[in-house]
Protein backbone atom coordinates (compact mmCIF):
# COMPACT_ATOMS: atom_id res chain seq x y z
CA UNK A 1 -165.28 40.49 54.53
CA UNK A 2 -168.54 39.11 55.83
CA UNK A 3 -169.18 38.29 59.48
CA UNK A 4 -172.27 36.58 60.76
CA UNK A 5 -173.42 34.61 63.75
CA UNK A 6 -173.25 30.89 63.11
CA UNK A 7 -175.04 28.11 64.95
CA UNK A 8 -172.89 25.02 65.07
CA UNK A 9 -175.17 21.97 65.02
CA UNK A 10 -173.82 18.74 66.47
CA UNK A 11 -177.10 16.85 66.22
CA UNK A 12 -176.16 15.62 62.76
CA UNK A 13 -172.57 15.04 61.79
CA UNK A 14 -171.76 15.68 58.15
CA UNK A 15 -168.40 15.26 56.52
CA UNK A 16 -167.98 16.94 53.15
CA UNK A 17 -164.21 16.54 52.93
CA UNK A 18 -162.43 13.79 51.08
CA UNK A 19 -159.05 13.32 52.71
CA UNK A 20 -157.91 11.25 49.72
CA UNK A 21 -157.57 14.57 47.88
CA UNK A 22 -155.27 16.06 50.52
CA UNK A 23 -151.56 16.44 50.01
CA UNK A 24 -149.60 14.21 52.34
CA UNK A 25 -148.06 16.91 54.52
CA UNK A 26 -150.32 19.08 56.68
CA UNK A 27 -150.05 22.85 56.82
CA UNK A 28 -149.52 24.30 60.29
CA UNK A 29 -151.45 27.22 61.71
CA UNK A 30 -149.48 29.70 63.79
CA UNK A 31 -151.56 31.85 66.15
CA UNK A 32 -149.96 35.19 66.95
CA UNK A 33 -151.62 37.99 68.99
CA UNK A 34 -152.84 40.78 66.67
CA UNK A 35 -152.61 43.89 68.87
CA UNK A 36 -154.59 42.03 71.54
CA UNK A 37 -152.27 42.80 74.44
CA UNK A 38 -153.97 44.33 77.46
CA UNK A 39 -152.80 46.54 80.34
CA UNK A 40 -154.95 44.88 83.01
CA UNK A 41 -156.27 41.37 83.50
CA UNK A 42 -158.68 39.84 86.00
CA UNK A 43 -156.87 36.53 85.59
CA UNK A 44 -153.33 35.26 85.75
CA UNK A 45 -154.17 31.58 85.19
CA UNK A 46 -155.93 30.05 82.20
CA UNK A 47 -157.48 26.64 81.64
CA UNK A 48 -158.58 25.28 78.27
CA UNK A 49 -161.17 22.65 77.39
CA UNK A 50 -161.17 21.55 73.76
CA UNK A 51 -164.54 20.02 72.86
CA UNK A 52 -164.22 20.12 69.07
CA UNK A 53 -165.29 16.93 67.34
CA UNK A 54 -161.91 16.65 65.61
CA UNK A 55 -159.17 17.77 68.00
CA UNK A 56 -156.37 17.30 65.44
CA UNK A 57 -157.39 18.80 62.11
CA UNK A 58 -158.79 22.32 61.86
CA UNK A 59 -159.98 22.19 58.26
CA UNK A 60 -158.09 22.54 54.98
CA UNK A 61 -156.28 25.03 52.78
CA UNK A 62 -155.31 24.99 49.11
CA UNK A 63 -151.64 24.65 48.21
CA UNK A 64 -149.56 24.56 45.04
CA UNK A 65 -150.26 25.28 41.41
CA UNK A 66 -153.12 22.75 41.31
CA UNK A 67 -154.68 23.98 44.58
CA UNK A 68 -154.53 20.57 46.22
CA UNK A 69 -156.21 20.48 49.58
CA UNK A 70 -153.89 20.19 52.56
CA UNK A 71 -155.14 19.48 56.09
CA UNK A 72 -154.67 22.36 58.50
CA UNK A 73 -153.57 21.80 62.10
CA UNK A 74 -151.70 23.39 64.98
CA UNK A 75 -148.12 22.53 65.80
CA UNK A 76 -149.21 21.59 69.34
CA UNK A 77 -152.43 20.75 71.16
CA UNK A 78 -155.21 23.35 71.21
CA UNK A 79 -154.89 23.50 75.00
CA UNK A 80 -151.20 24.37 74.85
CA UNK A 81 -151.71 26.79 71.92
CA UNK A 82 -154.45 28.80 73.64
CA UNK A 83 -152.59 28.90 76.95
CA UNK A 84 -149.45 30.14 75.21
CA UNK A 85 -151.45 32.67 73.19
CA UNK A 86 -153.34 33.99 76.24
CA UNK A 87 -150.19 34.31 78.32
CA UNK A 88 -148.64 36.39 75.53
CA UNK A 89 -151.69 38.67 75.52
CA UNK A 90 -151.47 39.40 79.25
CA UNK A 91 -147.67 39.19 79.62
CA UNK A 92 -147.23 42.89 80.41
CA UNK A 93 -150.55 43.37 82.19
CA UNK A 94 -151.28 44.12 85.82
CA UNK A 95 -152.84 40.76 86.74
CA UNK A 96 -155.25 39.66 89.45
CA UNK A 97 -155.10 36.19 90.96
CA UNK A 98 -158.03 34.76 89.02
CA UNK A 99 -158.56 31.82 86.68
CA UNK A 100 -160.42 31.87 83.37
CA UNK A 101 -161.44 28.75 81.47
CA UNK A 102 -161.76 28.93 77.68
CA UNK A 103 -163.87 26.25 76.02
CA UNK A 104 -163.04 25.89 72.31
CA UNK A 105 -166.06 24.33 70.61
CA UNK A 106 -165.31 25.05 66.96
CA UNK A 107 -162.18 26.39 65.25
CA UNK A 108 -162.46 25.53 61.58
CA UNK A 109 -160.87 26.89 58.40
CA UNK A 110 -161.79 26.07 54.82
CA UNK A 111 -160.86 27.45 51.41
CA UNK A 112 -162.47 27.40 47.99
CA UNK A 113 -161.32 28.71 44.62
CA UNK A 114 -163.65 30.73 42.42
CA UNK A 115 -163.17 32.16 38.96
CA UNK A 116 -161.63 35.47 40.03
CA UNK A 117 -160.46 34.93 43.62
CA UNK A 118 -159.87 32.57 46.50
CA UNK A 119 -162.42 32.47 49.29
CA UNK A 120 -161.83 31.28 52.82
CA UNK A 121 -164.06 30.85 55.85
CA UNK A 122 -163.18 30.75 59.53
CA UNK A 123 -165.78 29.36 61.95
CA UNK A 124 -165.23 30.03 65.64
CA UNK A 125 -167.32 29.03 68.62
CA UNK A 126 -166.14 29.33 72.21
CA UNK A 127 -167.17 30.08 75.78
CA UNK A 128 -165.34 31.82 78.62
CA UNK A 129 -165.88 30.99 82.29
CA UNK A 130 -164.56 32.49 85.52
CA UNK A 131 -163.46 29.97 88.12
CA UNK A 132 -165.19 30.24 91.48
CA UNK A 133 -163.75 27.62 93.85
CA UNK A 134 -164.85 24.34 92.26
CA UNK A 135 -167.36 25.73 89.77
CA UNK A 136 -167.17 27.97 86.71
CA UNK A 137 -169.45 30.97 86.12
CA UNK A 138 -170.30 31.80 82.52
CA UNK A 139 -168.78 35.08 81.35
CA UNK A 140 -169.76 35.12 77.66
CA UNK A 141 -169.89 33.02 74.51
CA UNK A 142 -168.97 33.70 70.88
CA UNK A 143 -170.36 32.04 67.77
CA UNK A 144 -168.97 33.60 64.59
CA UNK A 145 -168.31 32.85 60.94
CA UNK A 146 -165.99 35.10 58.93
CA UNK A 147 -165.60 34.88 55.14
CA UNK A 148 -162.58 36.44 53.44
CA UNK A 149 -161.59 36.86 49.79
CA UNK A 150 -158.24 37.39 48.10
CA UNK A 151 -157.07 37.65 44.49
CA UNK A 152 -154.06 35.48 45.37
CA UNK A 153 -153.57 33.53 48.57
CA UNK A 154 -156.28 33.77 51.24
CA UNK A 155 -154.49 31.45 53.70
CA UNK A 156 -152.49 34.20 55.41
CA UNK A 157 -155.62 36.30 55.85
CA UNK A 158 -157.37 33.35 57.47
CA UNK A 159 -154.45 32.82 59.86
CA UNK A 160 -154.55 36.48 60.84
CA UNK A 161 -158.32 36.37 61.30
CA UNK A 162 -158.12 33.27 63.50
CA UNK A 163 -155.50 34.99 65.67
CA UNK A 164 -157.59 38.16 65.79
CA UNK A 165 -160.79 36.37 66.87
CA UNK A 166 -159.02 34.36 69.58
CA UNK A 167 -157.24 37.51 70.77
CA UNK A 168 -160.55 39.35 70.98
CA UNK A 169 -162.00 36.90 73.50
CA UNK A 170 -158.81 36.84 75.58
CA UNK A 171 -158.80 40.64 75.73
CA UNK A 172 -162.52 40.68 76.53
CA UNK A 173 -162.03 38.13 79.30
CA UNK A 174 -159.08 40.07 80.73
CA UNK A 175 -161.18 43.23 81.08
CA UNK A 176 -164.40 41.52 82.11
CA UNK A 177 -166.37 43.01 85.04
CA UNK A 178 -167.12 40.05 87.32
CA UNK A 179 -170.26 41.84 88.53
CA UNK A 180 -171.67 40.96 85.10
CA UNK A 181 -171.11 37.22 85.55
CA UNK A 182 -174.14 35.20 84.55
CA UNK A 183 -175.94 33.18 87.19
CA UNK A 184 -175.29 29.94 85.34
CA UNK A 185 -172.52 27.87 86.96
CA UNK A 186 -170.93 24.70 85.66
CA UNK A 187 -168.66 21.99 86.93
CA UNK A 188 -165.54 21.21 84.92
CA UNK A 189 -167.14 17.95 83.77
CA UNK A 190 -170.22 19.89 82.62
CA UNK A 191 -168.07 21.97 80.27
CA UNK A 192 -166.37 18.84 78.95
CA UNK A 193 -169.86 17.59 77.98
CA UNK A 194 -171.33 21.00 77.12
CA UNK A 195 -172.88 19.87 73.83
CA UNK A 196 -174.87 17.05 75.47
CA UNK A 197 -175.83 19.35 78.33
CA UNK A 198 -177.24 21.98 75.98
CA UNK A 199 -179.12 19.42 73.90
CA UNK A 200 -181.28 18.50 76.87
CA UNK A 201 -183.00 21.89 76.64
CA UNK A 202 -183.65 21.65 72.87
CA UNK A 203 -186.88 19.80 72.01
CA UNK A 204 -185.70 18.18 68.76
CA UNK A 205 -182.74 16.55 70.48
CA UNK A 206 -185.07 14.72 72.82
CA UNK A 207 -187.06 12.78 70.23
CA UNK A 208 -186.04 9.89 68.00
CA UNK A 209 -187.54 11.57 64.93
CA UNK A 210 -188.88 15.12 64.44
CA UNK A 211 -192.52 15.66 63.55
CA UNK A 212 -193.45 15.14 59.92
CA UNK A 213 -193.15 18.43 58.10
CA UNK A 214 -191.00 21.09 56.48
CA UNK A 215 -188.84 23.28 58.71
CA UNK A 216 -188.09 26.63 57.14
CA UNK A 217 -185.18 27.49 59.46
CA UNK A 218 -183.11 26.27 62.40
CA UNK A 219 -185.39 27.88 64.99
CA UNK A 220 -188.38 25.89 63.77
CA UNK A 221 -186.31 22.74 63.59
CA UNK A 222 -184.78 22.94 67.05
CA UNK A 223 -188.22 23.50 68.56
CA UNK A 224 -189.64 20.57 66.58
CA UNK A 225 -192.31 22.85 65.12
CA UNK A 226 -192.73 22.25 61.37
CA UNK A 227 -193.57 25.29 59.26
CA UNK A 228 -195.66 23.30 56.81
CA UNK A 229 -196.97 19.73 56.90
CA UNK A 230 -198.80 19.71 53.57
CA UNK A 231 -196.46 18.31 50.91
CA UNK A 232 -196.05 15.22 48.75
CA UNK A 233 -192.90 13.08 48.92
CA UNK A 234 -191.78 10.93 46.00
CA UNK A 235 -188.61 9.12 44.94
CA UNK A 236 -187.18 10.32 41.63
CA UNK A 237 -187.53 7.45 39.14
CA UNK A 238 -184.09 8.02 37.60
CA UNK A 239 -181.92 9.63 40.26
CA UNK A 240 -183.43 7.58 43.10
CA UNK A 241 -183.48 10.60 45.41
CA UNK A 242 -186.41 12.04 47.36
CA UNK A 243 -188.27 14.96 45.83
CA UNK A 244 -190.79 17.00 47.79
CA UNK A 245 -193.69 18.76 46.08
CA UNK A 246 -196.02 21.51 47.22
CA UNK A 247 -199.75 20.78 47.30
CA UNK A 248 -202.32 22.89 45.46
CA UNK A 249 -206.09 22.78 45.73
CA UNK A 250 -205.75 20.69 48.86
CA UNK A 251 -204.58 17.47 47.19
CA UNK A 252 -203.00 18.05 43.73
CA UNK A 253 -199.23 17.77 43.35
CA UNK A 254 -197.69 21.14 42.64
CA UNK A 255 -194.12 22.22 41.88
CA UNK A 256 -191.01 20.72 43.53
CA UNK A 257 -190.01 22.58 46.68
CA UNK A 258 -186.55 24.06 46.22
CA UNK A 259 -184.06 22.89 48.84
CA UNK A 260 -182.92 26.49 49.40
CA UNK A 261 -186.40 27.23 50.73
CA UNK A 262 -186.13 25.02 53.81
CA UNK A 263 -183.66 23.98 56.46
CA UNK A 264 -184.90 20.43 57.05
CA UNK A 265 -187.78 18.18 56.08
CA UNK A 266 -189.15 14.98 57.58
CA UNK A 267 -191.46 12.64 55.66
CA UNK A 268 -192.55 10.81 58.82
CA UNK A 269 -189.96 8.07 58.43
CA UNK A 270 -186.74 9.85 57.46
CA UNK A 271 -185.28 13.24 58.25
CA UNK A 272 -183.37 15.20 55.58
CA UNK A 273 -181.10 18.20 56.07
CA UNK A 274 -180.86 20.77 53.27
CA UNK A 275 -177.39 22.07 52.35
CA UNK A 276 -175.73 23.92 49.48
CA UNK A 277 -174.80 20.50 48.11
CA UNK A 278 -178.31 19.01 48.19
CA UNK A 279 -180.29 17.17 50.86
CA UNK A 280 -178.83 14.52 53.13
CA UNK A 281 -180.67 11.83 55.09
CA UNK A 282 -179.70 11.99 58.75
CA UNK A 283 -180.28 10.33 62.08
CA UNK A 284 -179.13 11.29 65.54
CA UNK A 285 -175.38 11.68 65.94
CA UNK A 286 -174.40 10.29 62.57
CA UNK A 287 -174.77 10.67 58.87
CA UNK A 288 -176.20 7.51 57.33
CA UNK A 289 -175.57 8.25 53.66
CA UNK A 290 -175.02 10.94 51.06
CA UNK A 291 -177.59 11.24 48.30
């Protein structure tokens, strides 16, 4: 199992899934507390704000002998699911009369089949806030990606991991020391628009087009500070896709720059995002095409 922090980027929306390949019936995710019950809780009331882009589907799993992709979803709304789950976690606890708000920003499951095993990934991003009259004080945030592998069926492991990760933040919130509350307070409407609110503090979100250059990682990109501006851009004569070359001796075209060596690149007119599937032209808030 591999766990790593994961930045979820809403500046560019990419869709790699083809729903035409899905089986007709969705698979339903059942969240069950995984030893997350707690003896004490600073809250007895819970509010949920679901700010995921897609509030119905949660990704896809592989089903059947041919591993057809089936959409994954909850049997009820995310709000109802998290409230039910949290109440189960604190059911036997000694509770204080407080209110915690959980903001679900990403809750995504995907599966892939490899030669010797099935691999699944769960991406989870959320924030917890403590209600103070009409405002909400930030308690903590989580931003995690977990990859699991199984020789047979990885779906059950993913379900258990999703329950475990959600249970972890409920348990953490229940035992949170309010003295440690951060000074940042939000209105309920702020949390509903948390993505747009955060973008205002990120330089690249506040320009129509990033500076011309190559961005080696997300940090450079979000700060609109290209790592390298000396490259040559050409359109492949056969594939009709952009190819970027290094420059040697100050002006001579060198070797093609491998997409794995940069996060994003802008030629001064078009921005491209590098992924495991190639590079994709992008503009604010939408994907314009797939190369």
